[in-house]
């Protein structure tokens, strides 16, 4: 099963196996990881699942849709070049080993 590395603001890392087709937000909340809130359940209406994707994997992701771009303008932490909503990153085998830094703060 592919895996994702969540990097917390304090530098700690959690490596989680994620089923193909599951979002990184759902995987984080299902594994009780601190930092990814996901208040809206993944429907792009809260921006509390903000992550910064490692450059090596950013090009493997589909581009964000307009709604995601808009929500990233309202995140609690400043938007960065690799900023994405983890509810919109769907795991595939090609993303095995993806590293995402959890934005701080989320709220």
PDB file of N, CA and C in Angstrom:
ATOM      1  N   UNK A   1       0.846  -1.174   0.000  1.00  0.00           N
ATOM      2  CA  UNK A   1       0.000   0.000   0.000  1.00  0.00           C
ATOM      3  C   UNK A   1       0.895   1.242   0.000  1.00  0.00           C
ATOM      4  N   UNK A   2       0.552   2.259  -0.797  1.00  0.00           N
ATOM      5  CA  UNK A   2       1.373   3.469  -0.821  1.00  0.00           C
ATOM      6  C   UNK A   2       1.353   4.178   0.539  1.00  0.00           C
ATOM      7  N   UNK A   3       2.359   4.993   0.764  1.00  0.00           N
ATOM      8  CA  UNK A   3       2.475   5.666   2.053  1.00  0.00           C
ATOM      9  C   UNK A   3       2.703   7.157   1.855  1.00  0.00           C
ATOM     10  N   UNK A   4       2.317   7.919   2.875  1.00  0.00           N
ATOM     11  CA  UNK A   4       2.539   9.361   2.897  1.00  0.00           C
ATOM     12  C   UNK A   4       3.298   9.705   4.170  1.00  0.00           C
ATOM     13  N   UNK A   5       4.167  10.689   4.064  1.00  0.00           N
ATOM     14  CA  UNK A   5       4.908  11.178   5.215  1.00  0.00           C
ATOM     15  C   UNK A   5       4.356  12.553   5.562  1.00  0.00           C
ATOM     16  N   UNK A   6       3.765  12.658   6.737  1.00  0.00           N
ATOM     17  CA  UNK A   6       3.249  13.926   7.245  1.00  0.00           C
ATOM     18  C   UNK A   6       4.326  14.531   8.140  1.00  0.00           C
ATOM     19  N   UNK A   7       4.733  15.747   7.842  1.00  0.00           N
ATOM     20  CA  UNK A   7       5.755  16.430   8.627  1.00  0.00           C
ATOM     21  C   UNK A   7       5.059  17.514   9.451  1.00  0.00           C
ATOM     22  N   UNK A   8       5.134  17.372  10.757  1.00  0.00           N
ATOM     23  CA  UNK A   8       4.487  18.304  11.673  1.00  0.00           C
ATOM     24  C   UNK A   8       5.311  19.587  11.793  1.00  0.00           C
ATOM     25  N   UNK A   9       4.686  20.673  12.227  1.00  0.00           N
ATOM     26  CA  UNK A   9       5.413  21.946  12.366  1.00  0.00           C
ATOM     27  C   UNK A   9       6.654  21.854  13.250  1.00  0.00           C
ATOM     28  N   UNK A  10       6.658  20.945  14.213  1.00  0.00           N
ATOM     29  CA  UNK A  10       7.814  20.791  15.095  1.00  0.00           C
ATOM     30  C   UNK A  10       8.891  19.877  14.507  1.00  0.00           C
ATOM     31  N   UNK A  11       8.674  19.394  13.269  1.00  0.00           N
ATOM     32  CA  UNK A  11       9.652  18.551  12.592  1.00  0.00           C
ATOM     33  C   UNK A  11       9.421  17.054  12.744  1.00  0.00           C
ATOM     34  N   UNK A  12       8.540  16.668  13.674  1.00  0.00           N
ATOM     35  CA  UNK A  12       8.233  15.244  13.818  1.00  0.00           C
ATOM     36  C   UNK A  12       7.553  14.741  12.551  1.00  0.00           C
ATOM     37  N   UNK A  13       7.719  13.447  12.296  1.00  0.00           N
ATOM     38  CA  UNK A  13       7.159  12.836  11.084  1.00  0.00           C
ATOM     39  C   UNK A  13       6.287  11.647  11.455  1.00  0.00           C
ATOM     40  N   UNK A  14       5.212  11.506  10.722  1.00  0.00           N
ATOM     41  CA  UNK A  14       4.367  10.323  10.813  1.00  0.00           C
ATOM     42  C   UNK A  14       4.252   9.738   9.417  1.00  0.00           C
ATOM     43  N   UNK A  15       4.540   8.446   9.295  1.00  0.00           N
ATOM     44  CA  UNK A  15       4.397   7.760   8.019  1.00  0.00           C
ATOM     45  C   UNK A  15       3.160   6.876   8.104  1.00  0.00           C
ATOM     46  N   UNK A  16       2.253   7.053   7.140  1.00  0.00           N
ATOM     47  CA  UNK A  16       0.962   6.375   7.168  1.00  0.00           C
ATOM     48  C   UNK A  16       0.724   5.686   5.831  1.00  0.00           C
ATOM     49  N   UNK A  17       0.249   4.443   5.879  1.00  0.00           N
ATOM     50  CA  UNK A  17      -0.186   3.769   4.659  1.00  0.00           C
ATOM     51  C   UNK A  17      -1.565   4.301   4.291  1.00  0.00           C
ATOM     52  N   UNK A  18      -1.740   4.587   3.009  1.00  0.00           N
ATOM     53  CA  UNK A  18      -2.987   5.180   2.533  1.00  0.00           C
ATOM     54  C   UNK A  18      -3.465   4.383   1.331  1.00  0.00           C
ATOM     55  N   UNK A  19      -4.706   3.962   1.375  1.00  0.00           N
ATOM     56  CA  UNK A  19      -5.270   3.192   0.268  1.00  0.00           C
ATOM     57  C   UNK A  19      -5.398   4.061  -0.973  1.00  0.00           C
ATOM     58  N   UNK A  20      -5.172   3.464  -2.123  1.00  0.00           N
ATOM     59  CA  UNK A  20      -5.407   4.177  -3.374  1.00  0.00           C
ATOM     60  C   UNK A  20      -6.840   4.680  -3.402  1.00  0.00           C
ATOM     61  N   UNK A  21      -7.007   5.926  -3.818  1.00  0.00           N
ATOM     62  CA  UNK A  21      -8.330   6.525  -3.907  1.00  0.00           C
ATOM     63  C   UNK A  21      -8.753   7.295  -2.664  1.00  0.00           C
ATOM     64  N   UNK A  22      -7.992   7.173  -1.556  1.00  0.00           N
ATOM     65  CA  UNK A  22      -8.327   7.906  -0.335  1.00  0.00           C
ATOM     66  C   UNK A  22      -7.575   9.226  -0.321  1.00  0.00           C
ATOM     67  N   UNK A  23      -8.210  10.281   0.198  1.00  0.00           N
ATOM     68  CA  UNK A  23      -7.538  11.576   0.285  1.00  0.00           C
ATOM     69  C   UNK A  23      -6.552  11.584   1.439  1.00  0.00           C
ATOM     70  N   UNK A  24      -5.543  12.427   1.327  1.00  0.00           N
ATOM     71  CA  UNK A  24      -4.572  12.559   2.398  1.00  0.00           C
ATOM     72  C   UNK A  24      -5.207  13.138   3.653  1.00  0.00           C
ATOM     73  N   UNK A  25      -6.253  13.947   3.517  1.00  0.00           N
ATOM     74  CA  UNK A  25      -6.960  14.481   4.679  1.00  0.00           C
ATOM     75  C   UNK A  25      -7.668  13.362   5.430  1.00  0.00           C
ATOM     76  N   UNK A  26      -8.392  12.507   4.714  1.00  0.00           N
ATOM     77  CA  UNK A  26      -9.090  11.407   5.374  1.00  0.00           C
ATOM     78  C   UNK A  26      -8.103  10.449   6.042  1.00  0.00           C
ATOM     79  N   UNK A  27      -6.991  10.197   5.396  1.00  0.00           N
ATOM     80  CA  UNK A  27      -5.983   9.316   5.994  1.00  0.00           C
ATOM     81  C   UNK A  27      -5.442   9.923   7.276  1.00  0.00           C
ATOM     82  N   UNK A  28      -5.205  11.228   7.280  1.00  0.00           N
ATOM     83  CA  UNK A  28      -4.679  11.893   8.480  1.00  0.00           C
ATOM     84  C   UNK A  28      -5.686  11.852   9.618  1.00  0.00           C
ATOM     85  N   UNK A  29      -6.929  12.166   9.334  1.00  0.00           N
ATOM     86  CA  UNK A  29      -7.933  12.176  10.397  1.00  0.00           C
ATOM     87  C   UNK A  29      -8.239  10.764  10.883  1.00  0.00           C
ATOM     88  N   UNK A  30      -8.227   9.785   9.993  1.00  0.00           N
ATOM     89  CA  UNK A  30      -8.478   8.395  10.392  1.00  0.00           C
ATOM     90  C   UNK A  30      -7.373   7.862  11.291  1.00  0.00           C
ATOM     91  N   UNK A  31      -6.175   8.426  11.143  1.00  0.00           N
ATOM     92  CA  UNK A  31      -5.034   8.000  11.962  1.00  0.00           C
ATOM     93  C   UNK A  31      -4.774   8.952  13.128  1.00  0.00           C
ATOM     94  N   UNK A  32      -5.724   9.830  13.410  1.00  0.00           N
ATOM     95  CA  UNK A  32      -5.648  10.760  14.547  1.00  0.00           C
ATOM     96  C   UNK A  32      -4.373  11.599  14.559  1.00  0.00           C
ATOM     97  N   UNK A  33      -3.953  12.051  13.376  1.00  0.00           N
ATOM     98  CA  UNK A  33      -2.771  12.908  13.320  1.00  0.00           C
ATOM     99  C   UNK A  33      -3.147  14.323  13.727  1.00  0.00           C
ATOM    100  N   UNK A  34      -2.358  14.906  14.599  1.00  0.00           N
ATOM    101  CA  UNK A  34      -2.583  16.288  14.999  1.00  0.00           C
ATOM    102  C   UNK A  34      -2.220  17.227  13.861  1.00  0.00           C
ATOM    103  N   UNK A  35      -2.982  18.299  13.731  1.00  0.00           N
ATOM    104  CA  UNK A  35      -2.635  19.346  12.780  1.00  0.00           C
ATOM    105  C   UNK A  35      -3.535  19.430  11.577  1.00  0.00           C
ATOM    106  N   UNK A  36      -4.055  18.321  11.101  1.00  0.00           N
ATOM    107  CA  UNK A  36      -4.999  18.359   9.982  1.00  0.00           C
ATOM    108  C   UNK A  36      -6.386  18.188  10.580  1.00  0.00           C
ATOM    109  N   UNK A  37      -7.180  19.258  10.497  1.00  0.00           N
ATOM    110  CA  UNK A  37      -8.481  19.280  11.155  1.00  0.00           C
ATOM    111  C   UNK A  37      -9.563  18.691  10.256  1.00  0.00           C
ATOM    112  N   UNK A  38      -9.668  19.202   9.040  1.00  0.00           N
ATOM    113  CA  UNK A  38     -10.677  18.691   8.100  1.00  0.00           C
ATOM    114  C   UNK A  38     -12.104  18.912   8.580  1.00  0.00           C
ATOM    115  N   UNK A  39     -12.382  20.100   9.117  1.00  0.00           N
ATOM    116  CA  UNK A  39     -13.716  20.409   9.657  1.00  0.00           C
ATOM    117  C   UNK A  39     -14.852  20.116   8.692  1.00  0.00           C
ATOM    118  N   UNK A  40     -14.655  20.367   7.405  1.00  0.00           N
ATOM    119  CA  UNK A  40     -15.750  20.220   6.442  1.00  0.00           C
ATOM    120  C   UNK A  40     -15.885  18.800   5.910  1.00  0.00           C
ATOM    121  N   UNK A  41     -14.992  17.914   6.307  1.00  0.00           N
ATOM    122  CA  UNK A  41     -15.070  16.538   5.848  1.00  0.00           C
ATOM    123  C   UNK A  41     -14.555  16.318   4.443  1.00  0.00           C
ATOM    124  N   UNK A  42     -13.928  17.326   3.869  1.00  0.00           N
ATOM    125  CA  UNK A  42     -13.313  17.148   2.555  1.00  0.00           C
ATOM    126  C   UNK A  42     -14.072  17.748   1.394  1.00  0.00           C
ATOM    127  N   UNK A  43     -14.945  18.713   1.654  1.00  0.00           N
ATOM    128  CA  UNK A  43     -15.728  19.307   0.563  1.00  0.00           C
ATOM    129  C   UNK A  43     -15.237  20.709   0.195  1.00  0.00           C
ATOM    130  N   UNK A  44     -14.011  21.038   0.587  1.00  0.00           N
ATOM    131  CA  UNK A  44     -13.364  22.307   0.234  1.00  0.00           C
ATOM    132  C   UNK A  44     -14.120  23.536   0.720  1.00  0.00           C
ATOM    133  N   UNK A  45     -14.586  23.494   1.953  1.00  0.00           N
ATOM    134  CA  UNK A  45     -15.275  24.683   2.464  1.00  0.00           C
ATOM    135  C   UNK A  45     -14.679  25.203   3.770  1.00  0.00           C
ATOM    136  N   UNK A  46     -13.531  24.657   4.202  1.00  0.00           N
ATOM    137  CA  UNK A  46     -12.982  25.129   5.475  1.00  0.00           C
ATOM    138  C   UNK A  46     -11.488  25.449   5.412  1.00  0.00           C
ATOM    139  N   UNK A  47     -10.738  24.830   4.549  1.00  0.00           N
ATOM    140  CA  UNK A  47      -9.289  25.043   4.399  1.00  0.00           C
ATOM    141  C   UNK A  47      -8.505  24.686   5.659  1.00  0.00           C
ATOM    142  N   UNK A  48      -9.018  23.752   6.478  1.00  0.00           N
ATOM    143  CA  UNK A  48      -8.309  23.332   7.686  1.00  0.00           C
ATOM    144  C   UNK A  48      -7.516  22.045   7.467  1.00  0.00           C
ATOM    145  N   UNK A  49      -7.204  21.759   6.208  1.00  0.00           N
ATOM    146  CA  UNK A  49      -6.376  20.597   5.880  1.00  0.00           C
ATOM    147  C   UNK A  49      -5.211  21.028   4.994  1.00  0.00           C
ATOM    148  N   UNK A  50      -4.790  22.269   5.183  1.00  0.00           N
ATOM    149  CA  UNK A  50      -3.726  22.891   4.399  1.00  0.00           C
ATOM    150  C   UNK A  50      -2.395  22.177   4.637  1.00  0.00           C
ATOM    151  N   UNK A  51      -1.762  21.762   3.552  1.00  0.00           N
ATOM    152  CA  UNK A  51      -0.434  21.164   3.604  1.00  0.00           C
ATOM    153  C   UNK A  51       0.435  21.803   2.535  1.00  0.00           C
ATOM    154  N   UNK A  52       1.733  21.660   2.700  1.00  0.00           N
ATOM    155  CA  UNK A  52       2.674  22.112   1.687  1.00  0.00           C
ATOM    156  C   UNK A  52       3.348  20.861   1.140  1.00  0.00           C
ATOM    157  N   UNK A  53       3.168  20.645  -0.150  1.00  0.00           N
ATOM    158  CA  UNK A  53       3.655  19.435  -0.813  1.00  0.00           C
ATOM    159  C   UNK A  53       5.122  19.604  -1.172  1.00  0.00           C
ATOM    160  N   UNK A  54       5.901  18.571  -0.892  1.00  0.00           N
ATOM    161  CA  UNK A  54       7.306  18.537  -1.257  1.00  0.00           C
ATOM    162  C   UNK A  54       7.444  18.740  -2.764  1.00  0.00           C
ATOM    163  N   UNK A  55       8.419  19.531  -3.167  1.00  0.00           N
ATOM    164  CA  UNK A  55       8.624  19.852  -4.584  1.00  0.00           C
ATOM    165  C   UNK A  55       8.720  18.616  -5.468  1.00  0.00           C
ATOM    166  N   UNK A  56       9.338  17.559  -4.973  1.00  0.00           N
ATOM    167  CA  UNK A  56       9.532  16.348  -5.773  1.00  0.00           C
ATOM    168  C   UNK A  56       8.202  15.714  -6.182  1.00  0.00           C
ATOM    169  N   UNK A  57       7.147  15.970  -5.430  1.00  0.00           N
ATOM    170  CA  UNK A  57       5.851  15.358  -5.719  1.00  0.00           C
ATOM    171  C   UNK A  57       4.832  16.332  -6.294  1.00  0.00           C
ATOM    172  N   UNK A  58       5.075  17.620  -6.162  1.00  0.00           N
ATOM    173  CA  UNK A  58       4.097  18.617  -6.616  1.00  0.00           C
ATOM    174  C   UNK A  58       3.735  18.443  -8.088  1.00  0.00           C
ATOM    175  N   UNK A  59       4.712  18.128  -8.915  1.00  0.00           N
ATOM    176  CA  UNK A  59       4.456  17.984 -10.353  1.00  0.00           C
ATOM    177  C   UNK A  59       3.631  16.743 -10.683  1.00  0.00           C
ATOM    178  N   UNK A  60       3.552  15.788  -9.750  1.00  0.00           N
ATOM    179  CA  UNK A  60       2.781  14.566  -9.984  1.00  0.00           C
ATOM    180  C   UNK A  60       1.292  14.748  -9.690  1.00  0.00           C
ATOM    181  N   UNK A  61       0.948  15.868  -9.066  1.00  0.00           N
ATOM    182  CA  UNK A  61      -0.444  16.109  -8.708  1.00  0.00           C
ATOM    183  C   UNK A  61      -1.170  16.853  -9.818  1.00  0.00           C
ATOM    184  N   UNK A  62      -2.468  16.577  -9.970  1.00  0.00           N
ATOM    185  CA  UNK A  62      -3.232  17.389 -10.916  1.00  0.00           C
ATOM    186  C   UNK A  62      -3.290  18.822 -10.392  1.00  0.00           C
ATOM    187  N   UNK A  63      -3.410  19.792 -11.268  1.00  0.00           N
ATOM    188  CA  UNK A  63      -3.469  21.176 -10.792  1.00  0.00           C
ATOM    189  C   UNK A  63      -4.721  21.414  -9.946  1.00  0.00           C
ATOM    190  N   UNK A  64      -4.632  22.349  -9.011  1.00  0.00           N
ATOM    191  CA  UNK A  64      -5.813  22.641  -8.198  1.00  0.00           C
ATOM    192  C   UNK A  64      -6.920  23.259  -9.044  1.00  0.00           C
ATOM    193  N   UNK A  65      -8.149  22.908  -8.709  1.00  0.00           N
ATOM    194  CA  UNK A  65      -9.302  23.518  -9.389  1.00  0.00           C
ATOM    195  C   UNK A  65      -9.511  24.914  -8.814  1.00  0.00           C
ATOM    196  N   UNK A  66     -10.343  25.718  -9.472  1.00  0.00           N
ATOM    197  CA  UNK A  66     -10.559  27.101  -9.044  1.00  0.00           C
ATOM    198  C   UNK A  66     -10.989  27.213  -7.586  1.00  0.00           C
ATOM    199  N   UNK A  67     -11.864  26.319  -7.130  1.00  0.00           N
ATOM    200  CA  UNK A  67     -12.351  26.378  -5.749  1.00  0.00           C
ATOM    201  C   UNK A  67     -11.203  26.165  -4.765  1.00  0.00           C
ATOM    202  N   UNK A  68     -10.313  25.231  -5.069  1.00  0.00           N
ATOM    203  CA  UNK A  68      -9.171  25.016  -4.181  1.00  0.00           C
ATOM    204  C   UNK A  68      -8.279  26.250  -4.157  1.00  0.00           C
ATOM    205  N   UNK A  69      -8.034  26.846  -5.308  1.00  0.00           N
ATOM    206  CA  UNK A  69      -7.248  28.086  -5.352  1.00  0.00           C
ATOM    207  C   UNK A  69      -7.868  29.148  -4.455  1.00  0.00           C
ATOM    208  N   UNK A  70      -9.176  29.302  -4.549  1.00  0.00           N
ATOM    209  CA  UNK A  70      -9.871  30.305  -3.738  1.00  0.00           C
ATOM    210  C   UNK A  70      -9.744  30.000  -2.250  1.00  0.00           C
ATOM    211  N   UNK A  71      -9.932  28.735  -1.868  1.00  0.00           N
ATOM    212  CA  UNK A  71      -9.839  28.367  -0.453  1.00  0.00           C
ATOM    213  C   UNK A  71      -8.424  28.568   0.088  1.00  0.00           C
ATOM    214  N   UNK A  72      -7.423  28.337  -0.738  1.00  0.00           N
ATOM    215  CA  UNK A  72      -6.039  28.528  -0.290  1.00  0.00           C
ATOM    216  C   UNK A  72      -5.727  29.992   0.005  1.00  0.00           C
ATOM    217  N   UNK A  73      -6.534  30.901  -0.543  1.00  0.00           N
ATOM    218  CA  UNK A  73      -6.367  32.320  -0.227  1.00  0.00           C
ATOM    219  C   UNK A  73      -6.853  32.653   1.181  1.00  0.00           C
ATOM    220  N   UNK A  74      -7.591  31.723   1.804  1.00  0.00           N
ATOM    221  CA  UNK A  74      -8.175  31.975   3.127  1.00  0.00           C
ATOM    222  C   UNK A  74      -7.645  31.043   4.212  1.00  0.00           C
ATOM    223  N   UNK A  75      -6.520  30.421   3.982  1.00  0.00           N
ATOM    224  CA  UNK A  75      -5.953  29.543   5.008  1.00  0.00           C
ATOM    225  C   UNK A  75      -5.383  30.380   6.147  1.00  0.00           C
ATOM    226  N   UNK A  76      -5.355  29.782   7.342  1.00  0.00           N
ATOM    227  CA  UNK A  76      -4.823  30.487   8.516  1.00  0.00           C
ATOM    228  C   UNK A  76      -3.322  30.720   8.390  1.00  0.00           C
ATOM    229  N   UNK A  77      -2.608  29.754   7.855  1.00  0.00           N
ATOM    230  CA  UNK A  77      -1.167  29.899   7.621  1.00  0.00           C
ATOM    231  C   UNK A  77      -0.971  30.500   6.230  1.00  0.00           C
ATOM    232  N   UNK A  78       0.064  31.288   6.044  1.00  0.00           N
ATOM    233  CA  UNK A  78       0.300  31.883   4.733  1.00  0.00           C
ATOM    234  C   UNK A  78       0.435  30.826   3.632  1.00  0.00           C
ATOM    235  N   UNK A  79      -0.114  31.134   2.482  1.00  0.00           N
ATOM    236  CA  UNK A  79      -0.008  30.259   1.318  1.00  0.00           C
ATOM    237  C   UNK A  79       1.431  30.240   0.822  1.00  0.00           C
ATOM    238  N   UNK A  80       1.901  29.057   0.435  1.00  0.00           N
ATOM    239  CA  UNK A  80       3.249  28.893  -0.115  1.00  0.00           C
ATOM    240  C   UNK A  80       3.143  28.286  -1.512  1.00  0.00           C
ATOM    241  N   UNK A  81       4.263  28.191  -2.205  1.00  0.00           N
ATOM    242  CA  UNK A  81       4.271  27.662  -3.567  1.00  0.00           C
ATOM    243  C   UNK A  81       3.675  26.258  -3.644  1.00  0.00           C
ATOM    244  N   UNK A  82       3.951  25.407  -2.669  1.00  0.00           N
ATOM    245  CA  UNK A  82       3.461  24.030  -2.693  1.00  0.00           C
ATOM    246  C   UNK A  82       2.170  23.817  -1.922  1.00  0.00           C
ATOM    247  N   UNK A  83       1.494  24.899  -1.545  1.00  0.00           N
ATOM    248  CA  UNK A  83       0.275  24.781  -0.741  1.00  0.00           C
ATOM    249  C   UNK A  83      -0.837  24.064  -1.501  1.00  0.00           C
ATOM    250  N   UNK A  84      -1.457  23.114  -0.805  1.00  0.00           N
ATOM    251  CA  UNK A  84      -2.614  22.391  -1.331  1.00  0.00           C
ATOM    252  C   UNK A  84      -3.530  22.056  -0.159  1.00  0.00           C
ATOM    253  N   UNK A  85      -4.765  21.717  -0.479  1.00  0.00           N
ATOM    254  CA  UNK A  85      -5.685  21.179   0.510  1.00  0.00           C
ATOM    255  C   UNK A  85      -5.553  19.670   0.445  1.00  0.00           C
ATOM    256  N   UNK A  86      -5.254  19.047   1.575  1.00  0.00           N
ATOM    257  CA  UNK A  86      -5.020  17.599   1.556  1.00  0.00           C
ATOM    258  C   UNK A  86      -6.284  16.811   1.235  1.00  0.00           C
ATOM    259  N   UNK A  87      -7.452  17.438   1.346  1.00  0.00           N
ATOM    260  CA  UNK A  87      -8.689  16.754   0.954  1.00  0.00           C
ATOM    261  C   UNK A  87      -8.763  16.578  -0.558  1.00  0.00           C
ATOM    262  N   UNK A  88      -7.934  17.310  -1.285  1.00  0.00           N
ATOM    263  CA  UNK A  88      -7.951  17.243  -2.742  1.00  0.00           C
ATOM    264  C   UNK A  88      -6.793  16.441  -3.317  1.00  0.00           C
ATOM    265  N   UNK A  89      -5.974  15.877  -2.458  1.00  0.00           N
ATOM    266  CA  UNK A  89      -4.875  15.017  -2.909  1.00  0.00           C
ATOM    267  C   UNK A  89      -5.304  13.577  -2.695  1.00  0.00           C
ATOM    268  N   UNK A  90      -5.520  12.883  -3.794  1.00  0.00           N
ATOM    269  CA  UNK A  90      -5.999  11.502  -3.750  1.00  0.00           C
ATOM    270  C   UNK A  90      -4.818  10.572  -3.989  1.00  0.00           C
ATOM    271  N   UNK A  91      -4.643   9.631  -3.074  1.00  0.00           N
ATOM    272  CA  UNK A  91      -3.491   8.728  -3.131  1.00  0.00           C
ATOM    273  C   UNK A  91      -3.551   7.811  -4.342  1.00  0.00           C
ATOM    274  N   UNK A  92      -2.386   7.647  -4.957  1.00  0.00           N
ATOM    275  CA  UNK A  92      -2.168   6.687  -6.042  1.00  0.00           C
ATOM    276  C   UNK A  92      -0.816   6.035  -5.806  1.00  0.00           C
ATOM    277  N   UNK A  93      -0.550   4.946  -6.503  1.00  0.00           N
ATOM    278  CA  UNK A  93       0.761   4.302  -6.390  1.00  0.00           C
ATOM    279  C   UNK A  93       1.890   5.252  -6.784  1.00  0.00           C
ATOM    280  N   UNK A  94       1.623   6.145  -7.745  1.00  0.00           N
ATOM    281  CA  UNK A  94       2.645   7.087  -8.201  1.00  0.00           C
ATOM    282  C   UNK A  94       3.055   8.062  -7.100  1.00  0.00           C
ATOM    283  N   UNK A  95       2.199   8.255  -6.097  1.00  0.00           N
ATOM    284  CA  UNK A  95       2.495   9.176  -5.003  1.00  0.00           C
ATOM    285  C   UNK A  95       3.125   8.492  -3.796  1.00  0.00           C
ATOM    286  N   UNK A  96       3.447   7.215  -3.925  1.00  0.00           N
ATOM    287  CA  UNK A  96       4.048   6.483  -2.804  1.00  0.00           C
ATOM    288  C   UNK A  96       5.265   7.228  -2.278  1.00  0.00           C
ATOM    289  N   UNK A  97       5.260   7.538  -0.985  1.00  0.00           N
ATOM    290  CA  UNK A  97       6.362   8.237  -0.353  1.00  0.00           C
ATOM    291  C   UNK A  97       6.223   9.749  -0.347  1.00  0.00           C
ATOM    292  N   UNK A  98       5.091  10.270  -0.811  1.00  0.00           N
ATOM    293  CA  UNK A  98       4.883  11.716  -0.834  1.00  0.00           C
ATOM    294  C   UNK A  98       5.061  12.294   0.566  1.00  0.00           C
ATOM    295  N   UNK A  99       5.741  13.425   0.626  1.00  0.00           N
ATOM    296  CA  UNK A  99       5.934  14.132   1.894  1.00  0.00           C
ATOM    297  C   UNK A  99       5.158  15.437   1.839  1.00  0.00           C
ATOM    298  N   UNK A 100       4.366  15.671   2.886  1.00  0.00           N
ATOM    299  CA  UNK A 100       3.618  16.922   3.003  1.00  0.00           C
ATOM    300  C   UNK A 100       3.880  17.516   4.377  1.00  0.00           C
ATOM    301  N   UNK A 101       4.132  18.811   4.393  1.00  0.00           N
ATOM    302  CA  UNK A 101       4.333  19.527   5.652  1.00  0.00           C
ATOM    303  C   UNK A 101       2.993  20.107   6.081  1.00  0.00           C
ATOM    304  N   UNK A 102       2.587  19.844   7.294  1.00  0.00           N
ATOM    305  CA  UNK A 102       1.307  20.323   7.812  1.00  0.00           C
ATOM    306  C   UNK A 102       1.457  21.806   8.143  1.00  0.00           C
ATOM    307  N   UNK A 103       0.605  22.629   7.517  1.00  0.00           N
ATOM    308  CA  UNK A 103       0.653  24.071   7.755  1.00  0.00           C
ATOM    309  C   UNK A 103       0.238  24.380   9.191  1.00  0.00           C
ATOM    310  N   UNK A 104       0.864  25.405   9.745  1.00  0.00           N
ATOM    311  CA  UNK A 104       0.563  25.805  11.116  1.00  0.00           C
ATOM    312  C   UNK A 104       0.419  27.308  11.164  1.00  0.00           C
ATOM    313  N   UNK A 105      -0.692  27.814  11.638  1.00  0.00           N
ATOM    314  CA  UNK A 105      -1.842  27.098  12.208  1.00  0.00           C
ATOM    315  C   UNK A 105      -2.859  26.728  11.146  1.00  0.00           C
ATOM    316  N   UNK A 106      -3.804  25.875  11.500  1.00  0.00           N
ATOM    317  CA  UNK A 106      -4.900  25.509  10.601  1.00  0.00           C
ATOM    318  C   UNK A 106      -6.137  26.377  10.877  1.00  0.00           C
ATOM    319  N   UNK A 107      -6.290  26.796  12.105  1.00  0.00           N
ATOM    320  CA  UNK A 107      -7.462  27.598  12.491  1.00  0.00           C
ATOM    321  C   UNK A 107      -7.026  28.979  12.914  1.00  0.00           C
TER     322      UNK A 107
END
